[in-house]
Amino acid sequence: MAHETSLGEHFIERKTARISMTLVGEVSGLPIPGAALTTLTVTLFDKASGTFLPVTPPTGTRNKQDILGTNGGAVDSAGKLTLDLTEDDMQKYDPTLSREVHGALFEWTYLALTVPKSGGHTVWFSVYDVEHVP
C-alpha cells in the first residue's frame, strides 16, 4: 500500500485549497470511519528545505496539528478526509521561486476491534506564484 500521493492539481500561492483522501486500514484495506479515529494530525512542510509551514502564521506552524474535527479537518463515516488549507498555509517558503512542492503528512490512530492501530500518509502538491510564472 502506498504511503504517499502526488496530486496532479497545482495550487496558486495565497489562495485557499482543499486536500481530500480516504483513510484506509493498513491490514484490512477498508475505510476508517471518522468515529473510529482517536487522533488525526497534519504536518505541512516545504519538500526542498523541510521547513514547517506556514512560515509566519498567526496561529503557529502546522507541525503535528490536531485536525480531528478542528483546524479545517474532517473525516466522514466513509473514511473521507478533507483538510481545508488557509491562505497562510499556501505561502511559499522561498519567494525567489515560482513553484515549490509542499507536503502534508497525515498521521492517525484508531481502534480496530478494540486493538490500537496507527497510520500515516503524505500528500505532495505544488504551490505556484503566478506573478513569477512566465
C-alpha atoms as a PDB file:
ATOM      1  CA  MET A   1       0.000   0.000   0.000  1.00  0.00           C
ATOM      2  CA  ALA A   2       1.392   3.409  -0.976  1.00  0.00           C
ATOM      3  CA  HIS A   3       2.142   5.818   1.827  1.00  0.00           C
ATOM      4  CA  GLU A   4       2.334   8.894  -0.365  1.00  0.00           C
ATOM      5  CA  THR A   5       0.370  10.520  -3.153  1.00  0.00           C
ATOM      6  CA  SER A   6       1.300  13.287  -5.562  1.00  0.00           C
ATOM      7  CA  LEU A   7      -1.605  15.481  -6.568  1.00  0.00           C
ATOM      8  CA  GLY A   8      -1.833  16.351 -10.242  1.00  0.00           C
ATOM      9  CA  GLU A   9      -3.566  19.535  -9.237  1.00  0.00           C
ATOM     10  CA  HIS A  10      -1.446  22.643  -8.748  1.00  0.00           C
ATOM     11  CA  PHE A  11      -2.434  25.360  -6.311  1.00  0.00           C
ATOM     12  CA  ILE A  12      -1.949  29.115  -6.543  1.00  0.00           C
ATOM     13  CA  GLU A  13       0.011  30.733  -3.740  1.00  0.00           C
ATOM     14  CA  ARG A  14      -2.000  32.577  -1.065  1.00  0.00           C
ATOM     15  CA  LYS A  15      -5.316  31.049  -2.230  1.00  0.00           C
ATOM     16  CA  THR A  16      -7.330  28.607  -0.155  1.00  0.00           C
ATOM     17  CA  ALA A  17      -7.243  24.948  -1.174  1.00  0.00           C
ATOM     18  CA  ARG A  18      -8.664  21.577  -0.132  1.00  0.00           C
ATOM     19  CA  ILE A  19      -6.917  18.222   0.122  1.00  0.00           C
ATOM     20  CA  SER A  20      -9.054  15.075   0.152  1.00  0.00           C
ATOM     21  CA  MET A  21      -8.196  11.417   0.569  1.00  0.00           C
ATOM     22  CA  THR A  22      -9.658   8.256   2.070  1.00  0.00           C
ATOM     23  CA  LEU A  23      -8.173   6.797   5.247  1.00  0.00           C
ATOM     24  CA  VAL A  24      -7.820   3.023   4.995  1.00  0.00           C
ATOM     25  CA  GLY A  25      -6.775   0.345   7.453  1.00  0.00           C
ATOM     26  CA  GLU A  26      -3.257  -0.988   6.985  1.00  0.00           C
ATOM     27  CA  VAL A  27      -4.225  -4.668   7.107  1.00  0.00           C
ATOM     28  CA  SER A  28      -7.873  -4.673   6.035  1.00  0.00           C
ATOM     29  CA  GLY A  29      -7.637  -2.027   3.336  1.00  0.00           C
ATOM     30  CA  LEU A  30     -11.117  -0.915   4.404  1.00  0.00           C
ATOM     31  CA  PRO A  31     -12.020   2.754   5.007  1.00  0.00           C
ATOM     32  CA  ILE A  32     -11.618   4.005   8.572  1.00  0.00           C
ATOM     33  CA  PRO A  33     -14.712   5.968   9.643  1.00  0.00           C
ATOM     34  CA  GLY A  34     -14.137   9.228  11.482  1.00  0.00           C
ATOM     35  CA  ALA A  35     -15.839   7.874  14.617  1.00  0.00           C
ATOM     36  CA  ALA A  36     -13.134   5.169  14.922  1.00  0.00           C
ATOM     37  CA  LEU A  37     -10.269   7.688  14.990  1.00  0.00           C
ATOM     38  CA  THR A  38      -8.665   8.583  18.292  1.00  0.00           C
ATOM     39  CA  THR A  39      -6.170  11.102  16.827  1.00  0.00           C
ATOM     40  CA  LEU A  40      -5.562  12.795  13.489  1.00  0.00           C
ATOM     41  CA  THR A  41      -2.761  15.293  12.876  1.00  0.00           C
ATOM     42  CA  VAL A  42      -1.170  17.101   9.950  1.00  0.00           C
ATOM     43  CA  THR A  43       2.315  18.459   9.417  1.00  0.00           C
ATOM     44  CA  LEU A  44       2.779  20.862   6.491  1.00  0.00           C
ATOM     45  CA  PHE A  45       6.284  21.349   5.129  1.00  0.00           C
ATOM     46  CA  ASP A  46       8.337  22.500   2.167  1.00  0.00           C
ATOM     47  CA  LYS A  47       9.866  19.463   0.426  1.00  0.00           C
ATOM     48  CA  ALA A  48      13.191  21.076  -0.550  1.00  0.00           C
ATOM     49  CA  SER A  49      14.041  22.704   2.796  1.00  0.00           C
ATOM     50  CA  GLY A  50      11.997  20.632   5.247  1.00  0.00           C
ATOM     51  CA  THR A  51      10.734  23.864   6.805  1.00  0.00           C
ATOM     52  CA  PHE A  52       7.410  23.595   8.624  1.00  0.00           C
ATOM     53  CA  LEU A  53       4.605  25.682   7.134  1.00  0.00           C
ATOM     54  CA  PRO A  54       3.172  28.186   7.279  1.00  0.00           C
ATOM     55  CA  VAL A  55       6.393  30.090   7.971  1.00  0.00           C
ATOM     56  CA  THR A  56       4.894  33.143   9.698  1.00  0.00           C
ATOM     57  CA  PRO A  57       1.410  32.086  10.757  1.00  0.00           C
ATOM     58  CA  PRO A  58      -0.697  33.946  13.296  1.00  0.00           C
ATOM     59  CA  THR A  59      -1.529  30.601  14.975  1.00  0.00           C
ATOM     60  CA  GLY A  60       1.764  28.691  14.640  1.00  0.00           C
ATOM     61  CA  THR A  61       3.009  26.122  12.155  1.00  0.00           C
ATOM     62  CA  ARG A  62       1.052  23.024  11.312  1.00  0.00           C
ATOM     63  CA  ASN A  63       3.510  20.666  12.976  1.00  0.00           C
ATOM     64  CA  LYS A  64       1.524  17.649  14.212  1.00  0.00           C
ATOM     65  CA  GLN A  65      -1.502  19.939  14.493  1.00  0.00           C
ATOM     66  CA  ASP A  66      -4.762  18.293  15.601  1.00  0.00           C
ATOM     67  CA  ILE A  67      -7.244  18.221  12.696  1.00  0.00           C
ATOM     68  CA  LEU A  68      -9.750  15.690  14.038  1.00  0.00           C
ATOM     69  CA  GLY A  69     -12.898  17.770  13.525  1.00  0.00           C
ATOM     70  CA  THR A  70     -10.981  21.030  14.036  1.00  0.00           C
ATOM     71  CA  ASN A  71      -8.479  23.341  12.326  1.00  0.00           C
ATOM     72  CA  GLY A  72     -10.033  22.708   8.899  1.00  0.00           C
ATOM     73  CA  GLY A  73     -10.016  18.908   9.122  1.00  0.00           C
ATOM     74  CA  ALA A  74     -12.903  16.446   8.936  1.00  0.00           C
ATOM     75  CA  VAL A  75     -13.406  12.711   8.355  1.00  0.00           C
ATOM     76  CA  ASP A  76     -16.808  11.321   7.404  1.00  0.00           C
ATOM     77  CA  SER A  77     -18.342   7.904   8.114  1.00  0.00           C
ATOM     78  CA  ALA A  78     -16.869   6.507   4.866  1.00  0.00           C
ATOM     79  CA  GLY A  79     -13.320   7.498   5.871  1.00  0.00           C
ATOM     80  CA  LYS A  80     -13.084  10.504   3.534  1.00  0.00           C
ATOM     81  CA  LEU A  81     -10.651  13.023   4.997  1.00  0.00           C
ATOM     82  CA  THR A  82     -10.797  16.652   3.928  1.00  0.00           C
ATOM     83  CA  LEU A  83      -8.423  19.382   5.012  1.00  0.00           C
ATOM     84  CA  ASP A  84      -9.130  22.997   4.145  1.00  0.00           C
ATOM     85  CA  LEU A  85      -5.893  24.940   3.739  1.00  0.00           C
ATOM     86  CA  THR A  86      -5.836  28.651   4.533  1.00  0.00           C
ATOM     87  CA  GLU A  87      -4.100  31.448   2.633  1.00  0.00           C
ATOM     88  CA  ASP A  88      -1.324  31.331   5.264  1.00  0.00           C
ATOM     89  CA  ASP A  89      -0.872  27.581   4.652  1.00  0.00           C
ATOM     90  CA  MET A  90      -0.481  28.229   0.929  1.00  0.00           C
ATOM     91  CA  GLN A  91       2.501  30.599   1.055  1.00  0.00           C
ATOM     92  CA  LYS A  92       5.788  29.544  -0.497  1.00  0.00           C
ATOM     93  CA  TYR A  93       8.881  29.300   1.692  1.00  0.00           C
ATOM     94  CA  ASP A  94      11.302  30.744  -0.888  1.00  0.00           C
ATOM     95  CA  PRO A  95       9.919  33.917  -2.505  1.00  0.00           C
ATOM     96  CA  THR A  96      12.507  33.733  -5.317  1.00  0.00           C
ATOM     97  CA  LEU A  97      10.998  30.530  -6.732  1.00  0.00           C
ATOM     98  CA  SER A  98       7.951  30.407  -8.993  1.00  0.00           C
ATOM     99  CA  ARG A  99       6.999  26.900  -7.783  1.00  0.00           C
ATOM    100  CA  GLU A 100       7.510  24.801  -4.657  1.00  0.00           C
ATOM    101  CA  VAL A 101       6.494  21.289  -3.720  1.00  0.00           C
ATOM    102  CA  HIS A 102       4.840  21.078  -0.312  1.00  0.00           C
ATOM    103  CA  GLY A 103       3.955  18.037   1.730  1.00  0.00           C
ATOM    104  CA  ALA A 104       1.044  17.340   4.047  1.00  0.00           C
ATOM    105  CA  LEU A 105       1.903  14.458   6.371  1.00  0.00           C
ATOM    106  CA  PHE A 106      -1.261  12.980   7.881  1.00  0.00           C
ATOM    107  CA  GLU A 107      -0.887  10.693  10.924  1.00  0.00           C
ATOM    108  CA  TRP A 108      -3.710   8.936  12.748  1.00  0.00           C
ATOM    109  CA  THR A 109      -4.540   6.397  15.415  1.00  0.00           C
ATOM    110  CA  TYR A 110      -7.709   4.339  15.656  1.00  0.00           C
ATOM    111  CA  LEU A 111      -9.251   1.261  17.190  1.00  0.00           C
ATOM    112  CA  ALA A 112      -9.846  -1.833  15.056  1.00  0.00           C
ATOM    113  CA  LEU A 113     -11.885  -4.333  17.082  1.00  0.00           C
ATOM    114  CA  THR A 114     -10.536  -2.698  20.257  1.00  0.00           C
ATOM    115  CA  VAL A 115      -6.919  -3.096  19.058  1.00  0.00           C
ATOM    116  CA  PRO A 116      -4.974   0.208  18.764  1.00  0.00           C
ATOM    117  CA  LYS A 117      -3.669   0.864  15.234  1.00  0.00           C
ATOM    118  CA  SER A 118      -1.896   3.759  13.548  1.00  0.00           C
ATOM    119  CA  GLY A 119      -1.272   5.023  10.046  1.00  0.00           C
ATOM    120  CA  GLY A 120       0.312   7.771   8.044  1.00  0.00           C
ATOM    121  CA  HIS A 121       0.250   9.184   4.530  1.00  0.00           C
ATOM    122  CA  THR A 122       1.984  12.103   2.799  1.00  0.00           C
ATOM    123  CA  VAL A 123       0.246  14.133   0.097  1.00  0.00           C
ATOM    124  CA  TRP A 124       2.553  16.134  -2.197  1.00  0.00           C
ATOM    125  CA  PHE A 125       1.284  19.208  -4.028  1.00  0.00           C
ATOM    126  CA  SER A 126       2.716  22.162  -5.948  1.00  0.00           C
ATOM    127  CA  VAL A 127       2.241  25.798  -5.000  1.00  0.00           C
ATOM    128  CA  TYR A 128       2.761  28.404  -7.737  1.00  0.00           C
ATOM    129  CA  ASP A 129       3.419  32.113  -7.519  1.00  0.00           C
ATOM    130  CA  VAL A 130       1.554  33.359 -10.584  1.00  0.00           C
ATOM    131  CA  GLU A 131       3.499  36.626 -10.560  1.00  0.00           C
ATOM    132  CA  HIS A 132       6.729  34.718 -11.341  1.00  0.00           C
ATOM    133  CA  VAL A 133       5.339  32.288 -13.924  1.00  0.00           C
ATOM    134  CA  PRO A 134       6.299  33.239 -17.497  1.00  0.00           C
END
